[in-house]
Amino acid sequence: MSYLETTHDVYKEAALTPDVGLCCTTNPIWELPGLKIPKIMQEMNYGCGSTVHARDLSNNPKTLYVGVGGGMELLQFAYFNRVKGGVVGVDVVDEMLEASRINFKVAEEQNDWFKSEFVDLKKGDALNLPVDDNSIDVAAQNCLFNIFKAEDLKKAIEEMYRVLKPGGSLVMSDPTCEQEMNETLRNDDRLRALCLSGSLPIAEYVKALTDAGFGTIEIRARKPYRILDPKNYPTDELIYIESIEVAAIKDPMPEDGPCIFTGKAAIYYGHQDFFDDDMGHILLKNQPLAICDKTAGALKALGRDDIYFSESTFHYDGGGCC
């Protein structure tokens, strides 16, 4: 049995018998005006963060969510796009698709504004999405990409890139791990399916996105997630796993490489009202400016003694320049 078949079986079981906390931490249940999340959706919430951000969802974006997980984030996306088929949900597990259909009926009873037809559920594989090229404004996945091994991850990201419109966003939440994992952990198909042993270092995760052509990467959050310990897992040391929330923008790739925002900022504190590096970066005096890692390197190379640079916070909330 392949690791993908094991994953299929794990989530088939989770669809038939909801398993609270099966693999992941609980997603935020956003308290949006007029939105009620059915309890069953919360129990089938198999994610490690959130991919639903209001700033991504203005002007009724066509939205794709891969790995439906009981339908909670699909319902949240539909809150922002209340048109027939405005949200597309794709899953390879028939039982999960059927569970979501049933859960949407419950959501209709609890939300006057919601209709099941707002969400178009499709049987499909993340490696071969049943979606047209350049047709999606916002694509999302939660605790899915970390399951894939390298070649399959490459295909999954390329598929997301293919279906996004130019300027569209791929919004993700996945576990990451900076420590080395032993081969026993890496090759345990069930632990991989449970969103544990497939976790990558952040730099490798980001590189997989930029290799596919995404020109801008935003790391929006980085949080504690899980511990793999010698008492319960095949490891001689404690392994600390975090979850990150990331957006990859289908921008043209700059000639000097991608713009990767990891929460760095620059603060100018010189004698003038502002500093202009003549490269498109203007720093107002004593006003923090969010900058990408590439810009941070370029400004540091100027060798000035009147600009302060913060370390990466791994929390980026928009704005700034690159």
Protein backbone atom coordinates (compact mmCIF):
# COMPACT_ATOMS: atom_id res chain seq x y z
CA MET A 1 0.00 0.00 0.00
CA SER A 2 1.38 3.44 -0.95
CA TYR A 3 1.47 6.35 1.46
CA LEU A 4 -1.30 8.04 -0.53
CA GLU A 5 -3.52 4.98 -0.13
CA THR A 6 -2.85 5.04 3.62
CA THR A 7 -3.80 8.72 3.68
CA HIS A 8 -7.00 7.97 1.76
CA ASP A 9 -7.98 5.31 4.31
CA VAL A 10 -7.21 7.56 7.30
CA TYR A 11 -9.51 10.29 6.00
CA LYS A 12 -12.18 7.86 4.88
CA GLU A 13 -12.36 6.69 8.51
CA ALA A 14 -12.38 10.31 9.70
CA ALA A 15 -15.31 11.08 7.38
CA LEU A 16 -17.36 8.10 8.55
CA THR A 17 -16.52 8.63 12.25
CA PRO A 18 -15.52 12.20 13.10
CA ASP A 19 -12.33 12.21 15.16
CA VAL A 20 -11.78 15.47 17.04
CA GLY A 21 -8.10 16.39 16.90
CA LEU A 22 -7.32 13.49 14.54
CA CYS A 23 -4.12 14.97 13.21
CA CYS A 24 -4.07 18.62 13.93
CA THR A 25 -4.88 21.50 16.22
CA THR A 26 -8.23 23.19 15.98
CA ASN A 27 -8.60 25.94 13.39
CA PRO A 28 -9.84 29.32 14.57
CA ILE A 29 -13.63 29.42 14.47
CA TRP A 30 -13.95 32.98 13.24
CA GLU A 31 -16.88 34.81 14.84
CA LEU A 32 -18.06 36.57 11.71
CA PRO A 33 -21.37 38.47 11.84
CA GLY A 34 -24.23 36.16 10.92
CA LEU A 35 -22.00 33.06 10.50
CA LYS A 36 -22.65 29.97 12.61
CA ILE A 37 -20.35 26.96 12.26
CA PRO A 38 -22.25 23.69 12.88
CA LYS A 39 -20.79 21.54 15.66
CA ILE A 40 -20.25 18.63 13.26
CA MET A 41 -18.04 20.83 11.07
CA GLN A 42 -15.96 21.77 14.09
CA GLU A 43 -15.58 18.09 15.00
CA MET A 44 -14.38 17.34 11.46
CA ASN A 45 -11.99 20.27 11.42
CA TYR A 46 -8.74 18.58 10.36
CA GLY A 47 -6.51 21.63 9.88
CA CYS A 48 -3.53 23.21 11.65
CA GLY A 49 -4.38 26.90 11.25
CA SER A 50 -6.65 28.99 9.06
CA THR A 51 -6.62 29.84 5.37
CA VAL A 52 -9.58 32.23 5.62
CA HIS A 53 -8.44 35.86 5.70
CA ALA A 54 -10.83 38.70 4.90
CA ARG A 55 -8.15 40.70 3.10
CA ASP A 56 -7.87 37.94 0.48
CA LEU A 57 -11.61 37.69 -0.09
CA SER A 58 -12.91 41.04 -1.32
CA ASN A 59 -14.96 41.42 -4.52
CA ASN A 60 -16.44 37.88 -4.55
CA PRO A 61 -13.31 35.93 -5.50
CA LYS A 62 -13.63 32.56 -7.16
CA THR A 63 -12.21 30.28 -4.47
CA LEU A 64 -10.79 26.76 -4.52
CA TYR A 65 -10.24 24.64 -1.43
CA VAL A 66 -8.46 21.30 -1.76
CA GLY A 67 -9.14 18.65 0.90
CA VAL A 68 -12.65 19.52 2.12
CA GLY A 69 -12.32 18.20 5.69
CA GLY A 70 -15.99 18.34 6.68
CA GLY A 71 -16.68 21.67 5.00
CA MET A 72 -15.90 24.27 7.68
CA GLU A 73 -13.49 26.41 5.68
CA LEU A 74 -15.64 25.99 2.57
CA LEU A 75 -18.52 27.50 4.56
CA GLN A 76 -16.26 30.32 5.74
CA PHE A 77 -15.15 31.03 2.17
CA ALA A 78 -18.78 30.98 0.99
CA TYR A 79 -19.52 33.70 3.56
CA PHE A 80 -17.47 36.03 1.35
CA ASN A 81 -18.76 34.74 -2.00
CA ARG A 82 -22.48 34.09 -1.91
CA VAL A 83 -23.02 33.00 -5.50
CA LYS A 84 -23.71 29.61 -7.01
CA GLY A 85 -20.46 27.72 -7.48
CA GLY A 86 -18.42 30.63 -6.12
CA VAL A 87 -16.43 28.20 -3.98
CA VAL A 88 -15.03 24.92 -5.34
CA GLY A 89 -14.16 22.09 -2.96
CA VAL A 90 -12.02 19.21 -4.21
CA ASP A 91 -11.34 15.94 -2.41
CA VAL A 92 -10.23 12.46 -3.46
CA VAL A 93 -12.20 10.74 -0.66
CA ASP A 94 -15.83 10.04 -1.61
CA GLU A 95 -16.89 9.69 2.01
CA MET A 96 -15.49 13.11 2.90
CA LEU A 97 -17.32 14.73 0.00
CA GLU A 98 -20.58 13.09 1.09
CA ALA A 99 -20.03 14.13 4.71
CA SER A 100 -19.55 17.72 3.56
CA ARG A 101 -22.77 17.62 1.55
CA ILE A 102 -24.65 16.48 4.63
CA ASN A 103 -22.93 19.08 6.79
CA PHE A 104 -23.92 21.85 4.37
CA LYS A 105 -27.58 20.96 4.92
CA VAL A 106 -27.02 21.54 8.64
CA ALA A 107 -25.30 24.82 7.83
CA GLU A 108 -28.30 25.90 5.76
CA GLU A 109 -30.56 25.37 8.78
CA GLN A 110 -28.30 27.50 10.99
CA ASN A 111 -27.44 30.27 8.49
CA ASP A 112 -30.24 32.08 6.66
CA TRP A 113 -27.81 33.43 4.06
CA PHE A 114 -26.17 30.11 3.12
CA LYS A 115 -27.17 27.79 0.29
CA SER A 116 -25.39 24.52 -0.47
CA GLU A 117 -25.21 25.55 -4.13
CA PHE A 118 -22.66 28.21 -3.16
CA VAL A 119 -20.13 25.36 -2.90
CA ASP A 120 -19.36 23.12 -5.87
CA LEU A 121 -17.96 19.84 -4.50
CA LYS A 122 -15.84 17.86 -6.96
CA LYS A 123 -14.13 14.48 -6.79
CA GLY A 124 -10.53 15.11 -7.68
CA ASP A 125 -6.88 14.63 -6.93
CA ALA A 126 -4.62 17.45 -5.72
CA LEU A 127 -2.07 16.23 -8.28
CA ASN A 128 -4.58 16.57 -11.14
CA LEU A 129 -7.12 19.21 -10.19
CA PRO A 130 -10.46 19.15 -12.06
CA VAL A 131 -10.23 22.93 -12.55
CA ASP A 132 -9.49 25.08 -15.61
CA ASP A 133 -6.26 27.02 -16.08
CA ASN A 134 -6.19 30.61 -14.78
CA SER A 135 -9.72 30.39 -13.36
CA ILE A 136 -9.26 30.83 -9.59
CA ASP A 137 -8.67 34.00 -7.55
CA VAL A 138 -7.87 32.35 -4.21
CA ALA A 139 -6.78 28.73 -3.76
CA ALA A 140 -6.28 27.16 -0.35
CA GLN A 141 -5.19 23.99 1.41
CA ASN A 142 -4.91 23.23 5.10
CA CYS A 143 -2.61 20.52 6.44
CA LEU A 144 -2.40 18.76 3.07
CA PHE A 145 0.88 19.67 1.38
CA ASN A 146 2.94 18.41 4.33
CA ILE A 147 1.64 14.90 3.64
CA PHE A 148 3.16 14.74 0.15
CA LYS A 149 6.60 13.42 -0.62
CA ALA A 150 8.90 15.62 -2.70
CA GLU A 151 7.80 14.74 -6.25
CA ASP A 152 4.11 14.75 -5.36
CA LEU A 153 4.47 18.04 -3.50
CA LYS A 154 6.03 19.54 -6.62
CA LYS A 155 3.06 18.37 -8.71
CA ALA A 156 0.50 19.63 -6.18
CA ILE A 157 2.04 23.11 -6.07
CA GLU A 158 2.33 23.25 -9.85
CA GLU A 159 -1.37 22.36 -10.11
CA MET A 160 -2.31 25.19 -7.77
CA TYR A 161 -0.15 27.57 -9.78
CA ARG A 162 -1.81 26.39 -13.00
CA VAL A 163 -5.39 27.06 -11.89
CA LEU A 164 -4.72 30.47 -10.31
CA LYS A 165 -5.28 33.65 -12.25
CA PRO A 166 -2.30 35.99 -12.58
CA GLY A 167 -2.09 37.85 -9.27
CA GLY A 168 -4.08 35.14 -7.52
CA SER A 169 -3.20 33.85 -4.07
CA LEU A 170 -2.46 30.36 -2.77
CA VAL A 171 -3.18 30.41 0.97
CA MET A 172 -1.87 27.53 3.09
CA SER A 173 -1.46 26.21 6.58
CA ASP A 174 0.99 23.35 7.19
CA PRO A 175 3.20 21.87 9.91
CA THR A 176 6.92 22.59 9.58
CA CYS A 177 9.97 21.29 11.41
CA GLU A 178 13.51 22.68 11.55
CA GLN A 179 15.01 19.52 13.10
CA GLU A 180 16.22 16.51 11.15
CA MET A 181 13.75 13.62 11.19
CA ASN A 182 15.03 10.06 11.03
CA GLU A 183 14.11 7.75 8.17
CA THR A 184 11.80 5.64 10.35
CA LEU A 185 9.62 8.68 10.96
CA ARG A 186 9.83 9.86 7.37
CA ASN A 187 8.83 6.44 6.03
CA ASP A 188 5.93 5.86 8.44
CA ASP A 189 2.96 6.28 6.13
CA ARG A 190 0.42 6.70 8.91
CA LEU A 191 2.44 9.38 10.72
CA ARG A 192 2.77 11.17 7.39
CA ALA A 193 -1.01 10.94 6.89
CA LEU A 194 -1.49 12.33 10.40
CA CYS A 195 0.41 15.51 9.42
CA LEU A 196 3.49 14.76 11.52
CA SER A 197 6.41 13.10 9.79
CA GLY A 198 6.19 14.93 6.45
CA SER A 199 6.89 18.35 7.95
CA LEU A 200 9.60 20.33 6.11
CA PRO A 201 11.87 23.16 7.25
CA ILE A 202 10.41 26.55 6.33
CA ALA A 203 13.19 27.30 3.83
CA GLU A 204 12.49 24.07 1.91
CA TYR A 205 8.75 24.72 2.01
CA VAL A 206 9.22 28.23 0.60
CA LYS A 207 11.67 27.01 -2.06
CA ALA A 208 9.11 24.50 -3.31
CA LEU A 209 6.71 27.42 -3.84
CA THR A 210 9.18 29.72 -5.57
CA ASP A 211 10.46 26.85 -7.76
CA ALA A 212 6.90 26.60 -9.12
CA GLY A 213 7.03 30.27 -10.13
CA PHE A 214 5.34 32.16 -7.28
CA GLY A 215 7.04 35.56 -7.18
CA THR A 216 5.87 36.70 -3.75
CA ILE A 217 5.70 34.66 -0.54
CA GLU A 218 4.16 35.93 2.70
CA ILE A 219 4.70 34.05 5.97
CA ARG A 220 1.73 35.26 7.97
CA ALA A 221 2.00 33.25 11.18
CA ARG A 222 4.23 30.70 12.92
CA LYS A 223 2.88 28.80 15.93
CA PRO A 224 3.71 25.86 18.21
CA TYR A 225 2.10 22.64 16.98
CA ARG A 226 3.27 19.24 18.25
CA ILE A 227 6.06 17.30 19.94
CA LEU A 228 7.30 13.91 18.79
CA ASP A 229 8.87 12.30 21.86
CA PRO A 230 10.84 9.07 22.43
CA LYS A 231 8.09 7.61 24.63
CA ASN A 232 5.48 7.64 21.91
CA TYR A 233 7.35 7.84 18.61
CA PRO A 234 10.38 6.17 17.01
CA THR A 235 12.85 8.95 17.82
CA ASP A 236 15.77 9.31 20.25
CA GLU A 237 15.19 13.02 20.77
CA LEU A 238 12.32 15.42 21.21
CA ILE A 239 11.24 16.86 17.86
CA TYR A 240 9.41 20.19 17.92
CA ILE A 241 6.91 20.85 15.13
CA GLU A 242 5.38 24.23 14.34
CA SER A 243 2.56 25.25 12.04
CA ILE A 244 2.83 28.14 9.62
CA GLU A 245 0.31 30.12 7.62
CA VAL A 246 1.65 31.17 4.23
CA ALA A 247 0.36 32.96 1.14
CA ALA A 248 2.04 32.53 -2.24
CA ILE A 249 1.12 35.14 -4.85
CA LYS A 250 1.16 34.35 -8.57
CA ASP A 251 3.18 37.46 -9.34
CA PRO A 252 5.80 37.56 -12.10
CA MET A 253 9.15 36.33 -10.80
CA PRO A 254 11.47 39.37 -10.33
CA GLU A 255 14.77 39.21 -12.19
CA ASP A 256 16.64 39.25 -8.88
CA GLY A 257 14.56 36.47 -7.33
CA PRO A 258 11.34 36.14 -5.32
CA CYS A 259 10.14 38.55 -2.66
CA ILE A 260 9.84 36.57 0.57
CA PHE A 261 8.27 38.31 3.55
CA THR A 262 9.24 36.72 6.87
CA GLY A 263 8.24 39.60 9.12
CA LYS A 264 11.33 41.81 8.82
CA ALA A 265 11.05 45.58 9.20
CA ALA A 266 13.38 48.54 8.74
CA ILE A 267 13.27 51.77 10.79
CA TYR A 268 15.14 54.87 9.64
CA TYR A 269 16.31 57.17 12.47
CA GLY A 270 18.61 59.61 10.70
CA HIS A 271 18.57 63.42 10.52
CA GLN A 272 16.32 63.75 7.45
CA ASP A 273 12.54 63.32 7.32
CA PHE A 274 12.95 60.20 5.19
CA PHE A 275 15.51 58.02 3.47
CA ASP A 276 15.19 57.10 -0.21
CA ASP A 277 17.55 54.45 -1.57
CA ASP A 278 16.59 55.35 -5.19
CA MET A 279 15.50 51.74 -5.68
CA GLY A 280 11.85 52.26 -4.79
CA HIS A 281 12.21 52.09 -1.00
CA ILE A 282 11.32 55.17 1.04
CA LEU A 283 11.68 54.96 4.81
CA LEU A 284 9.95 57.70 6.81
CA LYS A 285 11.75 58.72 9.97
CA ASN A 286 10.94 56.44 12.90
CA GLN A 287 8.19 54.65 10.97
CA PRO A 288 8.63 50.86 10.70
CA LEU A 289 8.42 49.60 7.14
CA ALA A 290 7.78 45.94 6.39
CA ILE A 291 10.37 44.67 3.92
CA CYS A 292 11.04 41.39 2.18
CA ASP A 293 14.21 39.48 3.00
CA LYS A 294 15.77 40.50 -0.31
CA THR A 295 15.24 44.21 0.38
CA ALA A 296 16.58 43.78 3.91
CA GLY A 297 19.79 42.39 2.46
CA ALA A 298 20.11 45.21 -0.06
CA LEU A 299 19.56 47.94 2.54
CA LYS A 300 21.97 46.34 4.99
CA ALA A 301 24.60 46.26 2.25
CA LEU A 302 24.51 50.08 2.16
CA GLY A 303 26.32 50.03 5.50
CA ARG A 304 24.33 52.90 6.99
CA ASP A 305 24.37 53.59 10.72
CA ASP A 306 20.89 55.14 10.82
CA ILE A 307 18.65 52.21 9.83
CA TYR A 308 17.55 49.52 12.27
CA PHE A 309 16.59 46.07 10.97
CA SER A 310 14.40 43.71 12.95
CA GLU A 311 14.88 39.98 12.78
CA SER A 312 12.30 37.78 11.06
CA THR A 313 9.19 37.57 13.22
CA PHE A 314 7.52 35.09 10.83
CA HIS A 315 4.41 37.20 11.08
CA TYR A 316 3.53 39.37 8.10
CA ASP A 317 0.28 41.32 7.89
CA GLY A 318 0.62 43.13 4.58
CA GLY A 319 1.94 46.51 3.53
CA GLY A 320 5.54 47.63 3.16
CA CYS A 321 7.56 47.20 0.04
CA CYS A 322 10.06 44.87 -1.58
